[in-house]
Amino acid sequence: QLQLVESGGGLVQAGGSLRLSCAASGSIAVTNVMGWYRQAPGKQRESVAASTTGGSTNYADSVKGRFTISRDNAKNTVYLQMNNLKPEDTARYFCNAKRFGPVPWDYWGQGTQVTVSS
């Protein structure tokens, strides 16, 4: 079992910044993908950003150029730096850890709320 705990959410004005953190209870170096997802009320959960152990990252088109995902394997923590926030970024943000192969993982945190006021 891998427990994920998100923090760093809050209320911010449009144009502001937040940094989300996702602390894992175990090593994230053995995961294949660490990702951030978000879910707004009445909408499906969507992928925001992902980071692989190989060092590659990818982002949803809606956040490219504004959000940056990073990981600190030594601290077993993944971050999401969010700049130039927009009201449409308002959602609950979830951390996810995936491992592929013969013993796959798919763990989720409880989420942290981000609210962007206009």
Protein backbone atom coordinates (compact mmCIF):
# COMPACT_ATOMS: atom_id res chain seq x y z
CA GLN A 1 0.00 0.00 0.00
CA LEU A 2 1.16 3.49 -0.83
CA GLN A 3 -0.55 6.37 0.93
CA LEU A 4 -0.60 9.75 -0.76
CA VAL A 5 -1.32 12.97 1.10
CA GLU A 6 -1.89 16.20 -0.81
CA SER A 7 -1.46 19.67 0.61
CA GLY A 8 -1.11 23.24 -0.54
CA GLY A 9 -4.56 23.96 -1.86
CA GLY A 10 -6.50 27.05 -0.97
CA LEU A 11 -8.24 30.16 -2.20
CA VAL A 12 -6.33 32.43 -4.56
CA GLN A 13 -7.20 35.27 -6.89
CA ALA A 14 -6.97 34.89 -10.63
CA GLY A 15 -3.40 35.39 -11.75
CA GLY A 16 -2.03 34.05 -8.51
CA SER A 17 0.06 30.98 -7.77
CA LEU A 18 -0.09 27.89 -5.60
CA ARG A 19 2.20 24.95 -5.10
CA LEU A 20 0.63 21.61 -4.34
CA SER A 21 2.57 18.84 -2.65
CA CYS A 22 1.93 15.12 -2.60
CA ALA A 23 3.77 13.21 0.09
CA ALA A 24 3.98 9.45 -0.33
CA SER A 25 4.30 6.96 2.51
CA GLY A 26 6.84 4.95 0.55
CA SER A 27 9.28 5.22 -2.28
CA ILE A 28 8.03 6.91 -5.42
CA ALA A 29 11.17 5.90 -7.27
CA VAL A 30 9.57 2.53 -7.97
CA THR A 31 6.46 4.04 -9.50
CA ASN A 32 6.20 4.41 -13.24
CA VAL A 33 4.08 7.53 -13.27
CA MET A 34 3.24 10.15 -10.66
CA GLY A 35 0.44 12.39 -11.73
CA TRP A 36 -1.93 15.15 -10.76
CA TYR A 37 -5.59 15.04 -11.67
CA ARG A 38 -8.44 17.39 -10.95
CA GLN A 39 -12.17 17.18 -10.71
CA ALA A 40 -14.55 20.12 -10.75
CA PRO A 41 -18.15 19.80 -9.52
CA GLY A 42 -20.29 18.05 -12.11
CA LYS A 43 -17.31 17.17 -14.27
CA GLN A 44 -15.22 14.09 -14.84
CA ARG A 45 -11.80 13.74 -13.29
CA GLU A 46 -9.14 14.82 -15.75
CA SER A 47 -5.40 14.45 -15.98
CA VAL A 48 -3.49 17.67 -15.38
CA ALA A 49 0.16 16.65 -15.36
CA ALA A 50 2.29 13.55 -15.15
CA SER A 51 5.90 12.70 -14.44
CA THR A 52 7.56 9.41 -15.31
CA THR A 53 10.56 7.80 -13.66
CA GLY A 54 12.34 8.25 -16.96
CA GLY A 55 12.14 11.99 -16.49
CA SER A 56 9.51 12.88 -19.02
CA THR A 57 6.54 15.07 -18.23
CA ASN A 58 3.30 15.84 -19.96
CA TYR A 59 0.51 18.31 -19.39
CA ALA A 60 -3.06 18.92 -20.31
CA ASP A 61 -3.32 21.54 -23.03
CA SER A 62 -5.27 23.79 -20.68
CA VAL A 63 -2.37 24.10 -18.24
CA LYS A 64 0.66 24.01 -20.52
CA GLY A 65 2.97 26.91 -19.83
CA ARG A 66 1.33 27.62 -16.48
CA PHE A 67 1.75 24.43 -14.42
CA THR A 68 4.93 22.49 -13.70
CA ILE A 69 5.16 19.03 -12.19
CA SER A 70 8.29 17.95 -10.38
CA ARG A 71 9.31 15.10 -8.15
CA ASP A 72 11.82 14.70 -5.37
CA ASN A 73 12.47 10.99 -5.05
CA ALA A 74 14.61 11.51 -1.96
CA LYS A 75 11.66 13.11 -0.18
CA ASN A 76 9.06 10.86 -1.82
CA THR A 77 7.17 13.97 -2.80
CA VAL A 78 5.65 15.26 -6.00
CA TYR A 79 4.86 18.90 -6.56
CA LEU A 80 2.60 20.86 -8.85
CA GLN A 81 3.54 24.50 -9.27
CA MET A 82 0.56 26.39 -10.59
CA ASN A 83 1.05 29.91 -11.92
CA ASN A 84 -1.30 32.38 -13.55
CA LEU A 85 -4.28 30.57 -12.11
CA LYS A 86 -7.65 31.02 -13.74
CA PRO A 87 -11.17 30.55 -12.34
CA GLU A 88 -11.54 27.49 -14.57
CA ASP A 89 -8.70 25.86 -12.62
CA THR A 90 -11.02 25.62 -9.63
CA ALA A 91 -11.30 21.95 -8.70
CA ARG A 92 -10.24 19.33 -6.25
CA TYR A 93 -6.73 18.18 -7.15
CA PHE A 94 -5.69 14.57 -6.63
CA CYS A 95 -2.31 12.91 -6.62
CA ASN A 96 -1.94 9.53 -8.31
CA ALA A 97 0.77 6.89 -8.37
CA LYS A 98 0.85 4.19 -11.01
CA ARG A 99 3.08 1.21 -11.50
CA PHE A 100 2.78 -1.08 -14.48
CA GLY A 101 3.91 -4.63 -14.98
CA PRO A 102 3.11 -7.94 -13.25
CA VAL A 103 2.21 -6.25 -9.94
CA PRO A 104 0.47 -3.03 -10.97
CA TRP A 105 -0.37 -0.16 -8.62
CA ASP A 106 -2.91 2.60 -8.86
CA TYR A 107 -3.09 4.70 -5.71
CA TRP A 108 -4.93 7.96 -5.08
CA GLY A 109 -4.79 10.62 -2.43
CA GLN A 110 -7.81 12.29 -0.87
CA GLY A 111 -7.28 15.51 -2.78
CA THR A 112 -6.83 19.17 -1.96
CA GLN A 113 -9.23 21.92 -2.96
CA VAL A 114 -8.09 24.78 -5.17
CA THR A 115 -10.44 27.71 -5.62
CA VAL A 116 -9.58 30.58 -7.93
CA SER A 117 -11.66 33.73 -7.62
CA SER A 118 -12.12 36.15 -10.48
